[in-house]
């Protein structure tokens, strides 16, 4: 089995690299900015945070706590889409992919669900 790329393959792969930095930077800022913008309000019901963490756990196949980071848990784009769809099915709130990735934790996602329910 070959484990290295020839020069033509290596060159072709360069075309698939993001030109603007990491995916998070392309979505609108670094982790600190995302945390500031998407911090879960203290009024978010604990049960909703726990329900959101349980959904993540089901989709990711690992134990998830309220402040666990989606990508650190092994999350990827397909899993993110599945979670976004389930949130819509279960709560009637449509989250954008951008908002989901920037929120990044079950607690902040629960905050977005609450905002969506309130129509804000």
PDB file of N, CA and C in Angstrom:
ATOM      1  N   UNK A   1       0.844  -1.168   0.000  1.00  0.00           N
ATOM      2  CA  UNK A   1       0.000   0.000   0.000  1.00  0.00           C
ATOM      3  C   UNK A   1       0.897   1.242   0.000  1.00  0.00           C
ATOM      4  N   UNK A   2       0.596   2.175  -0.871  1.00  0.00           N
ATOM      5  CA  UNK A   2       1.362   3.411  -0.988  1.00  0.00           C
ATOM      6  C   UNK A   2       0.890   4.412   0.069  1.00  0.00           C
ATOM      7  N   UNK A   3       1.830   5.071   0.756  1.00  0.00           N
ATOM      8  CA  UNK A   3       1.471   6.008   1.821  1.00  0.00           C
ATOM      9  C   UNK A   3       1.935   7.427   1.550  1.00  0.00           C
ATOM     10  N   UNK A   4       2.519   7.681   0.404  1.00  0.00           N
ATOM     11  CA  UNK A   4       2.964   9.030   0.074  1.00  0.00           C
ATOM     12  C   UNK A   4       2.306   9.497  -1.213  1.00  0.00           C
ATOM     13  N   UNK A   5       2.293  10.794  -1.404  1.00  0.00           N
ATOM     14  CA  UNK A   5       1.716  11.385  -2.604  1.00  0.00           C
ATOM     15  C   UNK A   5       2.821  11.723  -3.586  1.00  0.00           C
ATOM     16  N   UNK A   6       2.518  11.553  -4.858  1.00  0.00           N
ATOM     17  CA  UNK A   6       3.478  12.020  -5.842  1.00  0.00           C
ATOM     18  C   UNK A   6       3.280  13.534  -6.007  1.00  0.00           C
ATOM     19  N   UNK A   7       4.215  14.250  -6.637  1.00  0.00           N
ATOM     20  CA  UNK A   7       4.122  15.708  -6.740  1.00  0.00           C
ATOM     21  C   UNK A   7       2.819  16.201  -7.371  1.00  0.00           C
ATOM     22  N   UNK A   8       2.288  15.519  -8.358  1.00  0.00           N
ATOM     23  CA  UNK A   8       1.044  15.955  -8.988  1.00  0.00           C
ATOM     24  C   UNK A   8      -0.133  15.847  -8.016  1.00  0.00           C
ATOM     25  N   UNK A   9      -0.170  14.781  -7.219  1.00  0.00           N
ATOM     26  CA  UNK A   9      -1.237  14.621  -6.237  1.00  0.00           C
ATOM     27  C   UNK A   9      -1.132  15.675  -5.146  1.00  0.00           C
ATOM     28  N   UNK A  10       0.092  15.933  -4.700  1.00  0.00           N
ATOM     29  CA  UNK A  10       0.319  16.941  -3.675  1.00  0.00           C
ATOM     30  C   UNK A  10      -0.150  18.308  -4.165  1.00  0.00           C
ATOM     31  N   UNK A  11       0.157  18.639  -5.392  1.00  0.00           N
ATOM     32  CA  UNK A  11      -0.255  19.904  -5.978  1.00  0.00           C
ATOM     33  C   UNK A  11      -1.777  19.994  -6.065  1.00  0.00           C
ATOM     34  N   UNK A  12      -2.419  18.906  -6.447  1.00  0.00           N
ATOM     35  CA  UNK A  12      -3.879  18.894  -6.566  1.00  0.00           C
ATOM     36  C   UNK A  12      -4.547  19.098  -5.216  1.00  0.00           C
ATOM     37  N   UNK A  13      -3.966  18.564  -4.153  1.00  0.00           N
ATOM     38  CA  UNK A  13      -4.543  18.729  -2.816  1.00  0.00           C
ATOM     39  C   UNK A  13      -4.507  20.171  -2.343  1.00  0.00           C
ATOM     40  N   UNK A  14      -3.536  20.940  -2.780  1.00  0.00           N
ATOM     41  CA  UNK A  14      -3.459  22.344  -2.372  1.00  0.00           C
ATOM     42  C   UNK A  14      -4.715  23.111  -2.756  1.00  0.00           C
ATOM     43  N   UNK A  15      -5.359  22.697  -3.831  1.00  0.00           N
ATOM     44  CA  UNK A  15      -6.572  23.372  -4.282  1.00  0.00           C
ATOM     45  C   UNK A  15      -7.705  23.233  -3.278  1.00  0.00           C
ATOM     46  N   UNK A  16      -7.662  22.212  -2.437  1.00  0.00           N
ATOM     47  CA  UNK A  16      -8.737  21.964  -1.493  1.00  0.00           C
ATOM     48  C   UNK A  16      -8.518  22.618  -0.135  1.00  0.00           C
ATOM     49  N   UNK A  17      -7.397  23.238   0.078  1.00  0.00           N
ATOM     50  CA  UNK A  17      -7.139  23.925   1.339  1.00  0.00           C
ATOM     51  C   UNK A  17      -7.933  25.209   1.393  1.00  0.00           C
ATOM     52  N   UNK A  18      -8.491  25.546   2.588  1.00  0.00           N
ATOM     53  CA  UNK A  18      -9.182  26.823   2.703  1.00  0.00           C
ATOM     54  C   UNK A  18      -8.194  27.971   2.564  1.00  0.00           C
ATOM     55  N   UNK A  19      -8.524  28.939   1.727  1.00  0.00           N
ATOM     56  CA  UNK A  19      -7.635  30.071   1.493  1.00  0.00           C
ATOM     57  C   UNK A  19      -7.668  31.060   2.641  1.00  0.00           C
ATOM     58  N   UNK A  20      -8.755  31.099   3.395  1.00  0.00           N
ATOM     59  CA  UNK A  20      -8.915  32.127   4.413  1.00  0.00           C
ATOM     60  C   UNK A  20      -8.646  31.679   5.823  1.00  0.00           C
ATOM     61  N   UNK A  21      -7.915  30.629   6.046  1.00  0.00           N
ATOM     62  CA  UNK A  21      -7.611  30.185   7.406  1.00  0.00           C
ATOM     63  C   UNK A  21      -8.489  29.020   7.812  1.00  0.00           C
ATOM     64  N   UNK A  22      -8.664  28.866   9.106  1.00  0.00           N
ATOM     65  CA  UNK A  22      -9.448  27.750   9.619  1.00  0.00           C
ATOM     66  C   UNK A  22     -10.918  27.959   9.323  1.00  0.00           C
ATOM     67  N   UNK A  23     -11.680  26.897   9.431  1.00  0.00           N
ATOM     68  CA  UNK A  23     -13.120  26.994   9.181  1.00  0.00           C
ATOM     69  C   UNK A  23     -13.758  27.986  10.139  1.00  0.00           C
ATOM     70  N   UNK A  24     -13.335  27.971  11.385  1.00  0.00           N
ATOM     71  CA  UNK A  24     -13.918  28.880  12.358  1.00  0.00           C
ATOM     72  C   UNK A  24     -13.600  30.331  12.014  1.00  0.00           C
ATOM     73  N   UNK A  25     -12.377  30.598  11.564  1.00  0.00           N
ATOM     74  CA  UNK A  25     -12.030  31.957  11.158  1.00  0.00           C
ATOM     75  C   UNK A  25     -12.864  32.375   9.961  1.00  0.00           C
ATOM     76  N   UNK A  26     -13.105  31.457   9.030  1.00  0.00           N
ATOM     77  CA  UNK A  26     -13.909  31.779   7.861  1.00  0.00           C
ATOM     78  C   UNK A  26     -15.355  32.046   8.252  1.00  0.00           C
ATOM     79  N   UNK A  27     -15.823  31.425   9.319  1.00  0.00           N
ATOM     80  CA  UNK A  27     -17.193  31.633   9.763  1.00  0.00           C
ATOM     81  C   UNK A  27     -17.385  32.946  10.498  1.00  0.00           C
ATOM     82  N   UNK A  28     -16.323  33.634  10.800  1.00  0.00           N
ATOM     83  CA  UNK A  28     -16.529  34.953  11.380  1.00  0.00           C
ATOM     84  C   UNK A  28     -15.771  35.260  12.641  1.00  0.00           C
ATOM     85  N   UNK A  29     -14.727  34.555  12.975  1.00  0.00           N
ATOM     86  CA  UNK A  29     -13.955  34.960  14.133  1.00  0.00           C
ATOM     87  C   UNK A  29     -13.347  33.786  14.860  1.00  0.00           C
ATOM     88  N   UNK A  30     -12.511  34.098  15.797  1.00  0.00           N
ATOM     89  CA  UNK A  30     -11.848  33.100  16.604  1.00  0.00           C
ATOM     90  C   UNK A  30     -12.741  32.588  17.703  1.00  0.00           C
ATOM     91  N   UNK A  31     -12.254  31.656  18.455  1.00  0.00           N
ATOM     92  CA  UNK A  31     -13.015  31.007  19.521  1.00  0.00           C
ATOM     93  C   UNK A  31     -13.477  32.000  20.584  1.00  0.00           C
ATOM     94  N   UNK A  32     -12.630  32.961  20.949  1.00  0.00           N
ATOM     95  CA  UNK A  32     -12.996  33.924  21.980  1.00  0.00           C
ATOM     96  C   UNK A  32     -14.202  34.742  21.550  1.00  0.00           C
ATOM     97  N   UNK A  33     -14.192  35.192  20.298  1.00  0.00           N
ATOM     98  CA  UNK A  33     -15.299  35.975  19.793  1.00  0.00           C
ATOM     99  C   UNK A  33     -16.572  35.137  19.772  1.00  0.00           C
ATOM    100  N   UNK A  34     -16.454  33.902  19.361  1.00  0.00           N
ATOM    101  CA  UNK A  34     -17.622  33.021  19.307  1.00  0.00           C
ATOM    102  C   UNK A  34     -18.208  32.831  20.696  1.00  0.00           C
ATOM    103  N   UNK A  35     -17.364  32.642  21.685  1.00  0.00           N
ATOM    104  CA  UNK A  35     -17.841  32.433  23.043  1.00  0.00           C
ATOM    105  C   UNK A  35     -18.554  33.671  23.563  1.00  0.00           C
ATOM    106  N   UNK A  36     -18.029  34.855  23.279  1.00  0.00           N
ATOM    107  CA  UNK A  36     -18.659  36.091  23.723  1.00  0.00           C
ATOM    108  C   UNK A  36     -20.018  36.273  23.068  1.00  0.00           C
ATOM    109  N   UNK A  37     -20.083  36.010  21.762  1.00  0.00           N
ATOM    110  CA  UNK A  37     -21.312  36.226  21.027  1.00  0.00           C
ATOM    111  C   UNK A  37     -22.381  35.208  21.365  1.00  0.00           C
ATOM    112  N   UNK A  38     -22.007  33.997  21.699  1.00  0.00           N
ATOM    113  CA  UNK A  38     -22.972  32.923  21.832  1.00  0.00           C
ATOM    114  C   UNK A  38     -23.102  32.410  23.265  1.00  0.00           C
ATOM    115  N   UNK A  39     -22.688  33.163  24.250  1.00  0.00           N
ATOM    116  CA  UNK A  39     -22.771  32.699  25.628  1.00  0.00           C
ATOM    117  C   UNK A  39     -24.223  32.414  25.996  1.00  0.00           C
ATOM    118  N   UNK A  40     -24.441  31.291  26.674  1.00  0.00           N
ATOM    119  CA  UNK A  40     -25.795  30.919  27.063  1.00  0.00           C
ATOM    120  C   UNK A  40     -26.282  31.827  28.168  1.00  0.00           C
ATOM    121  N   UNK A  41     -27.475  32.393  28.002  1.00  0.00           N
ATOM    122  CA  UNK A  41     -28.019  33.215  29.071  1.00  0.00           C
ATOM    123  C   UNK A  41     -28.293  32.366  30.302  1.00  0.00           C
ATOM    124  N   UNK A  42     -28.198  32.978  31.467  1.00  0.00           N
ATOM    125  CA  UNK A  42     -28.405  32.222  32.704  1.00  0.00           C
ATOM    126  C   UNK A  42     -29.850  31.771  32.848  1.00  0.00           C
ATOM    127  N   UNK A  43     -30.752  32.326  32.036  1.00  0.00           N
ATOM    128  CA  UNK A  43     -32.164  31.955  32.122  1.00  0.00           C
ATOM    129  C   UNK A  43     -32.510  30.689  31.349  1.00  0.00           C
ATOM    130  N   UNK A  44     -31.526  30.089  30.691  1.00  0.00           N
ATOM    131  CA  UNK A  44     -31.800  28.862  29.937  1.00  0.00           C
ATOM    132  C   UNK A  44     -32.110  27.737  30.925  1.00  0.00           C
ATOM    133  N   UNK A  45     -33.235  27.059  30.731  1.00  0.00           N
ATOM    134  CA  UNK A  45     -33.585  25.972  31.654  1.00  0.00           C
ATOM    135  C   UNK A  45     -32.529  24.867  31.663  1.00  0.00           C
ATOM    136  N   UNK A  46     -32.192  24.416  32.835  1.00  0.00           N
ATOM    137  CA  UNK A  46     -31.203  23.346  32.994  1.00  0.00           C
ATOM    138  C   UNK A  46     -31.645  22.105  32.224  1.00  0.00           C
ATOM    139  N   UNK A  47     -32.946  21.825  32.242  1.00  0.00           N
ATOM    140  CA  UNK A  47     -33.456  20.648  31.537  1.00  0.00           C
ATOM    141  C   UNK A  47     -33.178  20.741  30.035  1.00  0.00           C
ATOM    142  N   UNK A  48     -33.266  21.938  29.457  1.00  0.00           N
ATOM    143  CA  UNK A  48     -32.990  22.102  28.032  1.00  0.00           C
ATOM    144  C   UNK A  48     -31.511  21.893  27.739  1.00  0.00           C
ATOM    145  N   UNK A  49     -30.649  22.382  28.619  1.00  0.00           N
ATOM    146  CA  UNK A  49     -29.213  22.164  28.455  1.00  0.00           C
ATOM    147  C   UNK A  49     -28.904  20.676  28.533  1.00  0.00           C
ATOM    148  N   UNK A  50     -29.502  19.990  29.495  1.00  0.00           N
ATOM    149  CA  UNK A  50     -29.288  18.550  29.644  1.00  0.00           C
ATOM    150  C   UNK A  50     -29.829  17.778  28.449  1.00  0.00           C
ATOM    151  N   UNK A  51     -30.977  18.189  27.935  1.00  0.00           N
ATOM    152  CA  UNK A  51     -31.562  17.542  26.760  1.00  0.00           C
ATOM    153  C   UNK A  51     -30.669  17.728  25.531  1.00  0.00           C
ATOM    154  N   UNK A  52     -30.112  18.936  25.388  1.00  0.00           N
ATOM    155  CA  UNK A  52     -29.216  19.221  24.269  1.00  0.00           C
ATOM    156  C   UNK A  52     -27.940  18.394  24.385  1.00  0.00           C
ATOM    157  N   UNK A  53     -27.391  18.299  25.581  1.00  0.00           N
ATOM    158  CA  UNK A  53     -26.191  17.478  25.794  1.00  0.00           C
ATOM    159  C   UNK A  53     -26.486  16.012  25.504  1.00  0.00           C
ATOM    160  N   UNK A  54     -27.667  15.534  25.876  1.00  0.00           N
ATOM    161  CA  UNK A  54     -28.044  14.144  25.616  1.00  0.00           C
ATOM    162  C   UNK A  54     -28.172  13.890  24.109  1.00  0.00           C
ATOM    163  N   UNK A  55     -28.710  14.854  23.378  1.00  0.00           N
ATOM    164  CA  UNK A  55     -28.806  14.726  21.917  1.00  0.00           C
ATOM    165  C   UNK A  55     -27.418  14.629  21.306  1.00  0.00           C
ATOM    166  N   UNK A  56     -26.510  15.504  21.741  1.00  0.00           N
ATOM    167  CA  UNK A  56     -25.125  15.449  21.245  1.00  0.00           C
ATOM    168  C   UNK A  56     -24.503  14.097  21.559  1.00  0.00           C
ATOM    169  N   UNK A  57     -24.726  13.622  22.773  1.00  0.00           N
ATOM    170  CA  UNK A  57     -24.164  12.339  23.187  1.00  0.00           C
ATOM    171  C   UNK A  57     -24.663  11.218  22.288  1.00  0.00           C
ATOM    172  N   UNK A  58     -25.944  11.249  21.984  1.00  0.00           N
ATOM    173  CA  UNK A  58     -26.536  10.240  21.108  1.00  0.00           C
ATOM    174  C   UNK A  58     -25.907  10.299  19.713  1.00  0.00           C
ATOM    175  N   UNK A  59     -25.713  11.498  19.187  1.00  0.00           N
ATOM    176  CA  UNK A  59     -25.177  11.651  17.827  1.00  0.00           C
ATOM    177  C   UNK A  59     -23.670  11.406  17.750  1.00  0.00           C
ATOM    178  N   UNK A  60     -22.953  11.771  18.807  1.00  0.00           N
ATOM    179  CA  UNK A  60     -21.494  11.652  18.797  1.00  0.00           C
ATOM    180  C   UNK A  60     -20.996  10.334  19.378  1.00  0.00           C
ATOM    181  N   UNK A  61     -21.836   9.657  20.158  1.00  0.00           N
ATOM    182  CA  UNK A  61     -21.431   8.387  20.744  1.00  0.00           C
ATOM    183  C   UNK A  61     -20.471   8.517  21.909  1.00  0.00           C
ATOM    184  N   UNK A  62     -20.461   9.682  22.559  1.00  0.00           N
ATOM    185  CA  UNK A  62     -19.617   9.909  23.734  1.00  0.00           C
ATOM    186  C   UNK A  62     -20.432  10.655  24.788  1.00  0.00           C
ATOM    187  N   UNK A  63     -19.960  10.620  26.029  1.00  0.00           N
ATOM    188  CA  UNK A  63     -20.603  11.396  27.080  1.00  0.00           C
ATOM    189  C   UNK A  63     -20.351  12.881  26.828  1.00  0.00           C
ATOM    190  N   UNK A  64     -21.385  13.692  26.975  1.00  0.00           N
ATOM    191  CA  UNK A  64     -21.285  15.128  26.699  1.00  0.00           C
ATOM    192  C   UNK A  64     -21.805  15.907  27.894  1.00  0.00           C
ATOM    193  N   UNK A  65     -21.045  16.921  28.290  1.00  0.00           N
ATOM    194  CA  UNK A  65     -21.449  17.830  29.367  1.00  0.00           C
ATOM    195  C   UNK A  65     -21.809  19.185  28.769  1.00  0.00           C
ATOM    196  N   UNK A  66     -22.408  20.025  29.555  1.00  0.00           N
ATOM    197  CA  UNK A  66     -22.948  21.302  29.092  1.00  0.00           C
ATOM    198  C   UNK A  66     -21.930  22.195  28.390  1.00  0.00           C
ATOM    199  N   UNK A  67     -20.702  22.209  28.848  1.00  0.00           N
ATOM    200  CA  UNK A  67     -19.695  23.119  28.290  1.00  0.00           C
ATOM    201  C   UNK A  67     -18.680  22.421  27.386  1.00  0.00           C
ATOM    202  N   UNK A  68     -18.962  21.179  26.990  1.00  0.00           N
ATOM    203  CA  UNK A  68     -18.054  20.464  26.093  1.00  0.00           C
ATOM    204  C   UNK A  68     -18.099  21.069  24.694  1.00  0.00           C
ATOM    205  N   UNK A  69     -16.945  21.144  24.055  1.00  0.00           N
ATOM    206  CA  UNK A  69     -16.819  21.703  22.718  1.00  0.00           C
ATOM    207  C   UNK A  69     -17.124  20.655  21.653  1.00  0.00           C
ATOM    208  N   UNK A  70     -17.951  21.020  20.704  1.00  0.00           N
ATOM    209  CA  UNK A  70     -18.386  20.106  19.638  1.00  0.00           C
ATOM    210  C   UNK A  70     -17.213  19.481  18.902  1.00  0.00           C
ATOM    211  N   UNK A  71     -16.265  20.304  18.456  1.00  0.00           N
ATOM    212  CA  UNK A  71     -15.152  19.779  17.666  1.00  0.00           C
ATOM    213  C   UNK A  71     -14.173  18.982  18.519  1.00  0.00           C
ATOM    214  N   UNK A  72     -13.982  19.375  19.768  1.00  0.00           N
ATOM    215  CA  UNK A  72     -13.094  18.626  20.663  1.00  0.00           C
ATOM    216  C   UNK A  72     -13.649  17.227  20.941  1.00  0.00           C
ATOM    217  N   UNK A  73     -14.976  17.089  20.858  1.00  0.00           N
ATOM    218  CA  UNK A  73     -15.611  15.782  21.060  1.00  0.00           C
ATOM    219  C   UNK A  73     -15.564  14.907  19.815  1.00  0.00           C
ATOM    220  N   UNK A  74     -15.025  15.440  18.731  1.00  0.00           N
ATOM    221  CA  UNK A  74     -14.956  14.685  17.492  1.00  0.00           C
ATOM    222  C   UNK A  74     -16.064  15.011  16.517  1.00  0.00           C
ATOM    223  N   UNK A  75     -16.791  16.092  16.770  1.00  0.00           N
ATOM    224  CA  UNK A  75     -17.870  16.492  15.876  1.00  0.00           C
ATOM    225  C   UNK A  75     -17.355  16.882  14.504  1.00  0.00           C
ATOM    226  N   UNK A  76     -18.191  16.661  13.503  1.00  0.00           N
ATOM    227  CA  UNK A  76     -17.852  17.039  12.130  1.00  0.00           C
ATOM    228  C   UNK A  76     -19.094  17.620  11.461  1.00  0.00           C
ATOM    229  N   UNK A  77     -18.957  18.001  10.215  1.00  0.00           N
ATOM    230  CA  UNK A  77     -20.063  18.683   9.539  1.00  0.00           C
ATOM    231  C   UNK A  77     -21.313  17.815   9.422  1.00  0.00           C
ATOM    232  N   UNK A  78     -21.148  16.548   9.154  1.00  0.00           N
ATOM    233  CA  UNK A  78     -22.321  15.677   9.021  1.00  0.00           C
ATOM    234  C   UNK A  78     -23.057  15.516  10.345  1.00  0.00           C
ATOM    235  N   UNK A  79     -22.303  15.347  11.408  1.00  0.00           N
ATOM    236  CA  UNK A  79     -22.913  15.232  12.729  1.00  0.00           C
ATOM    237  C   UNK A  79     -23.599  16.533  13.109  1.00  0.00           C
ATOM    238  N   UNK A  80     -22.956  17.654  12.797  1.00  0.00           N
ATOM    239  CA  UNK A  80     -23.559  18.955  13.078  1.00  0.00           C
ATOM    240  C   UNK A  80     -24.897  19.122  12.381  1.00  0.00           C
ATOM    241  N   UNK A  81     -24.964  18.730  11.119  1.00  0.00           N
ATOM    242  CA  UNK A  81     -26.218  18.827  10.361  1.00  0.00           C
ATOM    243  C   UNK A  81     -27.290  17.940  10.987  1.00  0.00           C
ATOM    244  N   UNK A  82     -26.915  16.739  11.414  1.00  0.00           N
ATOM    245  CA  UNK A  82     -27.876  15.842  12.057  1.00  0.00           C
ATOM    246  C   UNK A  82     -28.441  16.472  13.326  1.00  0.00           C
ATOM    247  N   UNK A  83     -27.564  17.086  14.120  1.00  0.00           N
ATOM    248  CA  UNK A  83     -28.016  17.721  15.363  1.00  0.00           C
ATOM    249  C   UNK A  83     -28.922  18.907  15.049  1.00  0.00           C
ATOM    250  N   UNK A  84     -28.552  19.714  14.076  1.00  0.00           N
ATOM    251  CA  UNK A  84     -29.376  20.864  13.684  1.00  0.00           C
ATOM    252  C   UNK A  84     -30.766  20.396  13.240  1.00  0.00           C
ATOM    253  N   UNK A  85     -30.825  19.319  12.474  1.00  0.00           N
ATOM    254  CA  UNK A  85     -32.116  18.772  12.016  1.00  0.00           C
ATOM    255  C   UNK A  85     -32.960  18.280  13.184  1.00  0.00           C
ATOM    256  N   UNK A  86     -32.311  17.600  14.128  1.00  0.00           N
ATOM    257  CA  UNK A  86     -33.049  17.108  15.305  1.00  0.00           C
ATOM    258  C   UNK A  86     -33.571  18.257  16.156  1.00  0.00           C
ATOM    259  N   UNK A  87     -32.784  19.314  16.277  1.00  0.00           N
ATOM    260  CA  UNK A  87     -33.248  20.480  17.039  1.00  0.00           C
ATOM    261  C   UNK A  87     -34.486  21.068  16.371  1.00  0.00           C
ATOM    262  N   UNK A  88     -34.464  21.135  15.048  1.00  0.00           N
ATOM    263  CA  UNK A  88     -35.636  21.649  14.334  1.00  0.00           C
ATOM    264  C   UNK A  88     -36.844  20.740  14.546  1.00  0.00           C
ATOM    265  N   UNK A  89     -36.641  19.427  14.430  1.00  0.00           N
ATOM    266  CA  UNK A  89     -37.731  18.473  14.622  1.00  0.00           C
ATOM    267  C   UNK A  89     -38.297  18.531  16.038  1.00  0.00           C
ATOM    268  N   UNK A  90     -37.398  18.592  17.023  1.00  0.00           N
ATOM    269  CA  UNK A  90     -37.818  18.524  18.428  1.00  0.00           C
ATOM    270  C   UNK A  90     -38.327  19.848  18.977  1.00  0.00           C
ATOM    271  N   UNK A  91     -37.779  20.976  18.487  1.00  0.00           N
ATOM    272  CA  UNK A  91     -38.085  22.277  19.092  1.00  0.00           C
ATOM    273  C   UNK A  91     -38.665  23.301  18.119  1.00  0.00           C
ATOM    274  N   UNK A  92     -38.663  22.985  16.821  1.00  0.00           N
ATOM    275  CA  UNK A  92     -39.193  23.925  15.844  1.00  0.00           C
ATOM    276  C   UNK A  92     -38.323  25.144  15.631  1.00  0.00           C
ATOM    277  N   UNK A  93     -37.053  25.042  16.003  1.00  0.00           N
ATOM    278  CA  UNK A  93     -36.112  26.156  15.870  1.00  0.00           C
ATOM    279  C   UNK A  93     -35.081  25.782  14.820  1.00  0.00           C
ATOM    280  N   UNK A  94     -34.940  26.626  13.798  1.00  0.00           N
ATOM    281  CA  UNK A  94     -33.974  26.375  12.729  1.00  0.00           C
ATOM    282  C   UNK A  94     -32.691  27.152  13.022  1.00  0.00           C
ATOM    283  N   UNK A  95     -31.631  26.438  13.361  1.00  0.00           N
ATOM    284  CA  UNK A  95     -30.326  27.054  13.591  1.00  0.00           C
ATOM    285  C   UNK A  95     -29.539  27.049  12.293  1.00  0.00           C
ATOM    286  N   UNK A  96     -28.784  28.101  12.064  1.00  0.00           N
ATOM    287  CA  UNK A  96     -27.887  28.095  10.912  1.00  0.00           C
ATOM    288  C   UNK A  96     -26.653  27.269  11.281  1.00  0.00           C
ATOM    289  N   UNK A  97     -25.994  26.746  10.270  1.00  0.00           N
ATOM    290  CA  UNK A  97     -24.758  26.001  10.500  1.00  0.00           C
ATOM    291  C   UNK A  97     -23.744  26.912  11.174  1.00  0.00           C
ATOM    292  N   UNK A  98     -23.657  28.149  10.711  1.00  0.00           N
ATOM    293  CA  UNK A  98     -22.717  29.113  11.281  1.00  0.00           C
ATOM    294  C   UNK A  98     -22.963  29.301  12.778  1.00  0.00           C
ATOM    295  N   UNK A  99     -24.222  29.559  13.150  1.00  0.00           N
ATOM    296  CA  UNK A  99     -24.543  29.757  14.565  1.00  0.00           C
ATOM    297  C   UNK A  99     -24.229  28.513  15.386  1.00  0.00           C
ATOM    298  N   UNK A 100     -24.535  27.341  14.827  1.00  0.00           N
ATOM    299  CA  UNK A 100     -24.251  26.093  15.538  1.00  0.00           C
ATOM    300  C   UNK A 100     -22.759  25.956  15.819  1.00  0.00           C
ATOM    301  N   UNK A 101     -21.937  26.150  14.791  1.00  0.00           N
ATOM    302  CA  UNK A 101     -20.494  25.991  14.963  1.00  0.00           C
ATOM    303  C   UNK A 101     -19.912  27.043  15.895  1.00  0.00           C
ATOM    304  N   UNK A 102     -20.381  28.268  15.802  1.00  0.00           N
ATOM    305  CA  UNK A 102     -19.849  29.318  16.668  1.00  0.00           C
ATOM    306  C   UNK A 102     -20.292  29.143  18.111  1.00  0.00           C
ATOM    307  N   UNK A 103     -21.492  28.643  18.325  1.00  0.00           N
ATOM    308  CA  UNK A 103     -21.947  28.400  19.702  1.00  0.00           C
ATOM    309  C   UNK A 103     -21.093  27.310  20.333  1.00  0.00           C
ATOM    310  N   UNK A 104     -20.992  26.169  19.675  1.00  0.00           N
ATOM    311  CA  UNK A 104     -20.010  25.155  20.021  1.00  0.00           C
ATOM    312  C   UNK A 104     -20.205  24.302  21.246  1.00  0.00           C
ATOM    313  N   UNK A 105     -21.132  24.653  22.149  1.00  0.00           N
ATOM    314  CA  UNK A 105     -21.366  23.824  23.331  1.00  0.00           C
ATOM    315  C   UNK A 105     -22.868  23.600  23.500  1.00  0.00           C
ATOM    316  N   UNK A 106     -23.251  22.526  24.162  1.00  0.00           N
ATOM    317  CA  UNK A 106     -24.683  22.305  24.397  1.00  0.00           C
ATOM    318  C   UNK A 106     -25.350  23.455  25.162  1.00  0.00           C
ATOM    319  N   UNK A 107     -24.651  24.051  26.121  1.00  0.00           N
ATOM    320  CA  UNK A 107     -25.246  25.143  26.894  1.00  0.00           C
ATOM    321  C   UNK A 107     -25.568  26.341  25.996  1.00  0.00           C
ATOM    322  N   UNK A 108     -24.646  26.694  25.112  1.00  0.00           N
ATOM    323  CA  UNK A 108     -24.889  27.839  24.230  1.00  0.00           C
ATOM    324  C   UNK A 108     -25.904  27.502  23.140  1.00  0.00           C
ATOM    325  N   UNK A 109     -25.924  26.248  22.686  1.00  0.00           N
ATOM    326  CA  UNK A 109     -26.955  25.834  21.734  1.00  0.00           C
ATOM    327  C   UNK A 109     -28.325  25.916  22.399  1.00  0.00           C
ATOM    328  N   UNK A 110     -28.423  25.492  23.647  1.00  0.00           N
ATOM    329  CA  UNK A 110     -29.692  25.599  24.373  1.00  0.00           C
ATOM    330  C   UNK A 110     -30.137  27.058  24.457  1.00  0.00           C
ATOM    331  N   UNK A 111     -29.182  27.961  24.636  1.00  0.00           N
ATOM    332  CA  UNK A 111     -29.501  29.391  24.637  1.00  0.00           C
ATOM    333  C   UNK A 111     -30.067  29.844  23.303  1.00  0.00           C
ATOM    334  N   UNK A 112     -29.502  29.339  22.207  1.00  0.00           N
ATOM    335  CA  UNK A 112     -30.020  29.677  20.881  1.00  0.00           C
ATOM    336  C   UNK A 112     -31.425  29.099  20.673  1.00  0.00           C
ATOM    337  N   UNK A 113     -31.655  27.914  21.200  1.00  0.00           N
ATOM    338  CA  UNK A 113     -32.999  27.321  21.112  1.00  0.00           C
ATOM    339  C   UNK A 113     -33.995  28.209  21.853  1.00  0.00           C
ATOM    340  N   UNK A 114     -33.640  28.652  23.047  1.00  0.00           N
ATOM    341  CA  UNK A 114     -34.506  29.536  23.812  1.00  0.00           C
ATOM    342  C   UNK A 114     -34.780  30.842  23.058  1.00  0.00           C
ATOM    343  N   UNK A 115     -33.737  31.406  22.459  1.00  0.00           N
ATOM    344  CA  UNK A 115     -33.919  32.633  21.670  1.00  0.00           C
ATOM    345  C   UNK A 115     -34.861  32.377  20.508  1.00  0.00           C
ATOM    346  N   UNK A 116     -34.686  31.240  19.844  1.00  0.00           N
ATOM    347  CA  UNK A 116     -35.548  30.896  18.716  1.00  0.00           C
ATOM    348  C   UNK A 116     -36.996  30.710  19.136  1.00  0.00           C
ATOM    349  N   UNK A 117     -37.206  30.106  20.279  1.00  0.00           N
ATOM    350  CA  UNK A 117     -38.571  29.931  20.794  1.00  0.00           C
ATOM    351  C   UNK A 117     -39.231  31.268  21.102  1.00  0.00           C
ATOM    352  N   UNK A 118     -38.393  32.208  21.588  1.00  0.00           N
ATOM    353  CA  UNK A 118     -38.909  33.528  21.948  1.00  0.00           C
ATOM    354  C   UNK A 118     -39.077  34.440  20.729  1.00  0.00           C
ATOM    355  N   UNK A 119     -38.533  33.966  19.590  1.00  0.00           N
ATOM    356  CA  UNK A 119     -38.642  34.754  18.367  1.00  0.00           C
ATOM    357  C   UNK A 119     -37.666  35.901  18.283  1.00  0.00           C
ATOM    358  N   UNK A 120     -36.561  35.812  19.059  1.00  0.00           N
ATOM    359  CA  UNK A 120     -35.567  36.888  19.018  1.00  0.00           C
ATOM    360  C   UNK A 120     -34.366  36.465  18.238  1.00  0.00           C
TER     361      UNK A 120
END
